[in-house]
């Protein structure tokens, strides 16, 4: 059975793992009612619409 010659350093391990652990920006789509950018399959926080229906009443920040 093969035995490693030396311990793999933390930096080397993290460099190898970090290649596939990068963060991605969320995909955004325009709201069908107001045009605000929202995440897909989420209620628009600006107007409260989802799939053409008023789902929530948005709070007015004063």
PDB file of N, CA and C in Angstrom:
ATOM      1  N   UNK A   1       0.839  -1.176   0.000  1.00  0.00           N
ATOM      2  CA  UNK A   1       0.000   0.000   0.000  1.00  0.00           C
ATOM      3  C   UNK A   1       0.883   1.237   0.000  1.00  0.00           C
ATOM      4  N   UNK A   2       0.497   2.239  -0.767  1.00  0.00           N
ATOM      5  CA  UNK A   2       1.292   3.465  -0.876  1.00  0.00           C
ATOM      6  C   UNK A   2       1.161   4.302   0.392  1.00  0.00           C
ATOM      7  N   UNK A   3       2.278   4.895   0.788  1.00  0.00           N
ATOM      8  CA  UNK A   3       2.308   5.748   1.975  1.00  0.00           C
ATOM      9  C   UNK A   3       2.857   7.110   1.557  1.00  0.00           C
ATOM     10  N   UNK A   4       2.197   8.208   1.946  1.00  0.00           N
ATOM     11  CA  UNK A   4       2.693   9.520   1.571  1.00  0.00           C
ATOM     12  C   UNK A   4       4.065   9.787   2.184  1.00  0.00           C
ATOM     13  N   UNK A   5       4.929  10.451   1.448  1.00  0.00           N
ATOM     14  CA  UNK A   5       6.269  10.757   1.961  1.00  0.00           C
ATOM     15  C   UNK A   5       6.229  11.829   3.033  1.00  0.00           C
ATOM     16  N   UNK A   6       5.306  12.794   2.886  1.00  0.00           N
ATOM     17  CA  UNK A   6       5.229  13.892   3.849  1.00  0.00           C
ATOM     18  C   UNK A   6       3.774  14.309   4.023  1.00  0.00           C
ATOM     19  N   UNK A   7       3.532  14.988   5.133  1.00  0.00           N
ATOM     20  CA  UNK A   7       2.195  15.473   5.410  1.00  0.00           C
ATOM     21  C   UNK A   7       1.813  16.546   4.395  1.00  0.00           C
ATOM     22  N   UNK A   8       0.575  16.481   3.919  1.00  0.00           N
ATOM     23  CA  UNK A   8       0.085  17.512   3.014  1.00  0.00           C
ATOM     24  C   UNK A   8      -0.224  18.756   3.830  1.00  0.00           C
ATOM     25  N   UNK A   9       0.354  19.880   3.435  1.00  0.00           N
ATOM     26  CA  UNK A   9       0.190  21.109   4.207  1.00  0.00           C
ATOM     27  C   UNK A   9      -1.237  21.641   4.097  1.00  0.00           C
ATOM     28  N   UNK A  10      -1.609  22.496   5.049  1.00  0.00           N
ATOM     29  CA  UNK A  10      -2.941  23.104   5.040  1.00  0.00           C
ATOM     30  C   UNK A  10      -3.139  23.943   3.790  1.00  0.00           C
ATOM     31  N   UNK A  11      -2.099  24.670   3.404  1.00  0.00           N
ATOM     32  CA  UNK A  11      -2.205  25.529   2.226  1.00  0.00           C
ATOM     33  C   UNK A  11      -2.452  24.701   0.968  1.00  0.00           C
ATOM     34  N   UNK A  12      -1.737  23.602   0.841  1.00  0.00           N
ATOM     35  CA  UNK A  12      -1.892  22.757  -0.350  1.00  0.00           C
ATOM     36  C   UNK A  12      -3.278  22.125  -0.385  1.00  0.00           C
ATOM     37  N   UNK A  13      -3.755  21.659   0.765  1.00  0.00           N
ATOM     38  CA  UNK A  13      -5.080  21.063   0.837  1.00  0.00           C
ATOM     39  C   UNK A  13      -6.145  22.088   0.506  1.00  0.00           C
ATOM     40  N   UNK A  14      -6.052  23.265   1.092  1.00  0.00           N
ATOM     41  CA  UNK A  14      -7.058  24.302   0.876  1.00  0.00           C
ATOM     42  C   UNK A  14      -7.019  24.848  -0.544  1.00  0.00           C
ATOM     43  N   UNK A  15      -5.833  24.887  -1.139  1.00  0.00           N
ATOM     44  CA  UNK A  15      -5.726  25.328  -2.536  1.00  0.00           C
ATOM     45  C   UNK A  15      -6.452  24.346  -3.449  1.00  0.00           C
ATOM     46  N   UNK A  16      -6.267  23.064  -3.187  1.00  0.00           N
ATOM     47  CA  UNK A  16      -6.915  22.031  -3.993  1.00  0.00           C
ATOM     48  C   UNK A  16      -8.433  22.088  -3.836  1.00  0.00           C
ATOM     49  N   UNK A  17      -8.905  22.220  -2.611  1.00  0.00           N
ATOM     50  CA  UNK A  17     -10.347  22.246  -2.361  1.00  0.00           C
ATOM     51  C   UNK A  17     -10.985  23.556  -2.800  1.00  0.00           C
ATOM     52  N   UNK A  18     -10.236  24.638  -2.692  1.00  0.00           N
ATOM     53  CA  UNK A  18     -10.784  25.962  -2.985  1.00  0.00           C
ATOM     54  C   UNK A  18     -11.124  26.204  -4.431  1.00  0.00           C
ATOM     55  N   UNK A  19     -10.555  25.409  -5.336  1.00  0.00           N
ATOM     56  CA  UNK A  19     -10.835  25.595  -6.757  1.00  0.00           C
ATOM     57  C   UNK A  19     -12.326  25.413  -7.039  1.00  0.00           C
ATOM     58  N   UNK A  20     -12.946  24.442  -6.381  1.00  0.00           N
ATOM     59  CA  UNK A  20     -14.355  24.143  -6.635  1.00  0.00           C
ATOM     60  C   UNK A  20     -15.300  24.790  -5.639  1.00  0.00           C
ATOM     61  N   UNK A  21     -14.796  25.573  -4.708  1.00  0.00           N
ATOM     62  CA  UNK A  21     -15.645  26.158  -3.676  1.00  0.00           C
ATOM     63  C   UNK A  21     -15.832  27.657  -3.863  1.00  0.00           C
ATOM     64  N   UNK A  22     -15.717  28.140  -5.075  1.00  0.00           N
ATOM     65  CA  UNK A  22     -15.858  29.572  -5.309  1.00  0.00           C
ATOM     66  C   UNK A  22     -17.334  29.968  -5.242  1.00  0.00           C
ATOM     67  N   UNK A  23     -17.607  31.185  -4.834  1.00  0.00           N
ATOM     68  CA  UNK A  23     -18.973  31.681  -4.744  1.00  0.00           C
ATOM     69  C   UNK A  23     -19.402  32.232  -6.093  1.00  0.00           C
ATOM     70  N   UNK A  24     -20.668  32.063  -6.402  1.00  0.00           N
ATOM     71  CA  UNK A  24     -21.217  32.591  -7.637  1.00  0.00           C
ATOM     72  C   UNK A  24     -22.240  33.665  -7.313  1.00  0.00           C
ATOM     73  N   UNK A  25     -22.323  34.665  -8.171  1.00  0.00           N
ATOM     74  CA  UNK A  25     -23.325  35.706  -8.002  1.00  0.00           C
ATOM     75  C   UNK A  25     -24.700  35.111  -8.281  1.00  0.00           C
ATOM     76  N   UNK A  26     -25.723  35.507  -7.518  1.00  0.00           N
ATOM     77  CA  UNK A  26     -27.047  34.940  -7.757  1.00  0.00           C
ATOM     78  C   UNK A  26     -27.597  35.384  -9.103  1.00  0.00           C
ATOM     79  N   UNK A  27     -28.319  34.488  -9.764  1.00  0.00           N
ATOM     80  CA  UNK A  27     -28.951  34.829 -11.035  1.00  0.00           C
ATOM     81  C   UNK A  27     -30.191  35.663 -10.746  1.00  0.00           C
ATOM     82  N   UNK A  28     -30.335  36.777 -11.431  1.00  0.00           N
ATOM     83  CA  UNK A  28     -31.457  37.679 -11.208  1.00  0.00           C
ATOM     84  C   UNK A  28     -32.286  37.802 -12.477  1.00  0.00           C
ATOM     85  N   UNK A  29     -33.589  37.960 -12.298  1.00  0.00           N
ATOM     86  CA  UNK A  29     -34.501  38.189 -13.412  1.00  0.00           C
ATOM     87  C   UNK A  29     -35.321  39.431 -13.098  1.00  0.00           C
ATOM     88  N   UNK A  30     -35.863  40.048 -14.124  1.00  0.00           N
ATOM     89  CA  UNK A  30     -36.684  41.254 -13.933  1.00  0.00           C
ATOM     90  C   UNK A  30     -38.075  40.855 -13.479  1.00  0.00           C
ATOM     91  N   UNK A  31     -38.610  41.605 -12.529  1.00  0.00           N
ATOM     92  CA  UNK A  31     -39.977  41.389 -12.048  1.00  0.00           C
ATOM     93  C   UNK A  31     -40.935  41.700 -13.196  1.00  0.00           C
ATOM     94  N   UNK A  32     -41.949  40.851 -13.379  1.00  0.00           N
ATOM     95  CA  UNK A  32     -42.908  41.060 -14.462  1.00  0.00           C
ATOM     96  C   UNK A  32     -43.804  42.264 -14.253  1.00  0.00           C
ATOM     97  N   UNK A  33     -43.911  42.753 -13.013  1.00  0.00           N
ATOM     98  CA  UNK A  33     -44.797  43.874 -12.717  1.00  0.00           C
ATOM     99  C   UNK A  33     -44.062  45.212 -12.716  1.00  0.00           C
ATOM    100  N   UNK A  34     -42.948  45.286 -11.968  1.00  0.00           N
ATOM    101  CA  UNK A  34     -42.269  46.584 -11.807  1.00  0.00           C
ATOM    102  C   UNK A  34     -40.897  46.634 -12.473  1.00  0.00           C
ATOM    103  N   UNK A  35     -40.345  45.495 -12.879  1.00  0.00           N
ATOM    104  CA  UNK A  35     -39.048  45.485 -13.532  1.00  0.00           C
ATOM    105  C   UNK A  35     -37.866  45.433 -12.580  1.00  0.00           C
ATOM    106  N   UNK A  36     -38.125  45.345 -11.282  1.00  0.00           N
ATOM    107  CA  UNK A  36     -37.068  45.244 -10.281  1.00  0.00           C
ATOM    108  C   UNK A  36     -36.362  43.896 -10.424  1.00  0.00           C
ATOM    109  N   UNK A  37     -35.047  43.863 -10.209  1.00  0.00           N
ATOM    110  CA  UNK A  37     -34.311  42.608 -10.292  1.00  0.00           C
ATOM    111  C   UNK A  37     -34.549  41.780  -9.032  1.00  0.00           C
ATOM    112  N   UNK A  38     -35.032  40.557  -9.208  1.00  0.00           N
ATOM    113  CA  UNK A  38     -35.306  39.657  -8.088  1.00  0.00           C
ATOM    114  C   UNK A  38     -34.769  38.280  -8.436  1.00  0.00           C
ATOM    115  N   UNK A  39     -34.585  37.437  -7.422  1.00  0.00           N
ATOM    116  CA  UNK A  39     -34.176  36.055  -7.646  1.00  0.00           C
ATOM    117  C   UNK A  39     -35.356  35.280  -8.218  1.00  0.00           C
ATOM    118  N   UNK A  40     -35.095  34.306  -9.097  1.00  0.00           N
ATOM    119  CA  UNK A  40     -36.190  33.528  -9.669  1.00  0.00           C
ATOM    120  C   UNK A  40     -36.970  32.774  -8.587  1.00  0.00           C
ATOM    121  N   UNK A  41     -38.268  32.646  -8.792  1.00  0.00           N
ATOM    122  CA  UNK A  41     -39.169  31.920  -7.889  1.00  0.00           C
ATOM    123  C   UNK A  41     -39.255  32.575  -6.519  1.00  0.00           C
ATOM    124  N   UNK A  42     -39.075  33.896  -6.449  1.00  0.00           N
ATOM    125  CA  UNK A  42     -39.206  34.635  -5.202  1.00  0.00           C
ATOM    126  C   UNK A  42     -40.166  35.806  -5.406  1.00  0.00           C
ATOM    127  N   UNK A  43     -40.835  36.202  -4.335  1.00  0.00           N
ATOM    128  CA  UNK A  43     -41.726  37.356  -4.375  1.00  0.00           C
ATOM    129  C   UNK A  43     -40.887  38.622  -4.496  1.00  0.00           C
ATOM    130  N   UNK A  44     -41.342  39.559  -5.310  1.00  0.00           N
ATOM    131  CA  UNK A  44     -40.637  40.831  -5.470  1.00  0.00           C
ATOM    132  C   UNK A  44     -40.817  41.649  -4.191  1.00  0.00           C
ATOM    133  N   UNK A  45     -39.724  42.044  -3.525  1.00  0.00           N
ATOM    134  CA  UNK A  45     -39.869  42.810  -2.289  1.00  0.00           C
ATOM    135  C   UNK A  45     -40.338  44.245  -2.523  1.00  0.00           C
ATOM    136  N   UNK A  46     -40.191  44.737  -3.747  1.00  0.00           N
ATOM    137  CA  UNK A  46     -40.558  46.116  -4.044  1.00  0.00           C
ATOM    138  C   UNK A  46     -42.069  46.274  -4.240  1.00  0.00           C
ATOM    139  N   UNK A  47     -42.676  45.375  -5.039  1.00  0.00           N
ATOM    140  CA  UNK A  47     -44.108  45.516  -5.332  1.00  0.00           C
ATOM    141  C   UNK A  47     -44.966  44.408  -4.720  1.00  0.00           C
ATOM    142  N   UNK A  48     -44.345  43.285  -4.301  1.00  0.00           N
ATOM    143  CA  UNK A  48     -45.090  42.207  -3.657  1.00  0.00           C
ATOM    144  C   UNK A  48     -45.765  41.249  -4.618  1.00  0.00           C
ATOM    145  N   UNK A  49     -45.435  41.293  -5.904  1.00  0.00           N
ATOM    146  CA  UNK A  49     -46.063  40.421  -6.885  1.00  0.00           C
ATOM    147  C   UNK A  49     -45.238  39.155  -7.088  1.00  0.00           C
ATOM    148  N   UNK A  50     -45.942  38.053  -7.372  1.00  0.00           N
ATOM    149  CA  UNK A  50     -45.310  36.791  -7.755  1.00  0.00           C
ATOM    150  C   UNK A  50     -46.202  36.134  -8.785  1.00  0.00           C
ATOM    151  N   UNK A  51     -45.661  35.866  -9.951  1.00  0.00           N
ATOM    152  CA  UNK A  51     -46.374  35.242 -11.066  1.00  0.00           C
ATOM    153  C   UNK A  51     -47.666  35.986 -11.407  1.00  0.00           C
ATOM    154  N   UNK A  52     -47.593  37.310 -11.411  1.00  0.00           N
ATOM    155  CA  UNK A  52     -48.728  38.124 -11.835  1.00  0.00           C
ATOM    156  C   UNK A  52     -49.789  38.356 -10.777  1.00  0.00           C
ATOM    157  N   UNK A  53     -49.571  37.882  -9.558  1.00  0.00           N
ATOM    158  CA  UNK A  53     -50.556  38.072  -8.488  1.00  0.00           C
ATOM    159  C   UNK A  53     -49.935  38.843  -7.338  1.00  0.00           C
ATOM    160  N   UNK A  54     -50.731  39.665  -6.655  1.00  0.00           N
ATOM    161  CA  UNK A  54     -50.283  40.375  -5.459  1.00  0.00           C
ATOM    162  C   UNK A  54     -50.279  39.369  -4.312  1.00  0.00           C
ATOM    163  N   UNK A  55     -49.086  39.056  -3.799  1.00  0.00           N
ATOM    164  CA  UNK A  55     -48.961  38.040  -2.755  1.00  0.00           C
ATOM    165  C   UNK A  55     -48.799  38.690  -1.396  1.00  0.00           C
ATOM    166  N   UNK A  56     -47.969  39.719  -1.322  1.00  0.00           N
ATOM    167  CA  UNK A  56     -47.776  40.446  -0.074  1.00  0.00           C
ATOM    168  C   UNK A  56     -47.918  41.932  -0.337  1.00  0.00           C
ATOM    169  N   UNK A  57     -48.204  42.672   0.719  1.00  0.00           N
ATOM    170  CA  UNK A  57     -48.207  44.131   0.598  1.00  0.00           C
ATOM    171  C   UNK A  57     -46.867  44.621   1.099  1.00  0.00           C
ATOM    172  N   UNK A  58     -46.086  45.266   0.239  1.00  0.00           N
ATOM    173  CA  UNK A  58     -44.751  45.700   0.648  1.00  0.00           C
ATOM    174  C   UNK A  58     -44.831  46.810   1.684  1.00  0.00           C
ATOM    175  N   UNK A  59     -43.867  46.807   2.593  1.00  0.00           N
ATOM    176  CA  UNK A  59     -43.812  47.830   3.625  1.00  0.00           C
ATOM    177  C   UNK A  59     -43.212  49.101   3.035  1.00  0.00           C
ATOM    178  N   UNK A  60     -43.772  50.248   3.405  1.00  0.00           N
ATOM    179  CA  UNK A  60     -43.255  51.532   2.943  1.00  0.00           C
ATOM    180  C   UNK A  60     -42.251  52.027   3.956  1.00  0.00           C
ATOM    181  N   UNK A  61     -40.995  52.184   3.509  1.00  0.00           N
ATOM    182  CA  UNK A  61     -39.949  52.706   4.401  1.00  0.00           C
ATOM    183  C   UNK A  61     -39.992  54.210   4.353  1.00  0.00           C
ATOM    184  N   UNK A  62     -40.273  54.824   5.492  1.00  0.00           N
ATOM    185  CA  UNK A  62     -40.436  56.281   5.516  1.00  0.00           C
ATOM    186  C   UNK A  62     -39.393  56.949   6.214  1.00  0.00           C
TER     187      UNK A  62
END
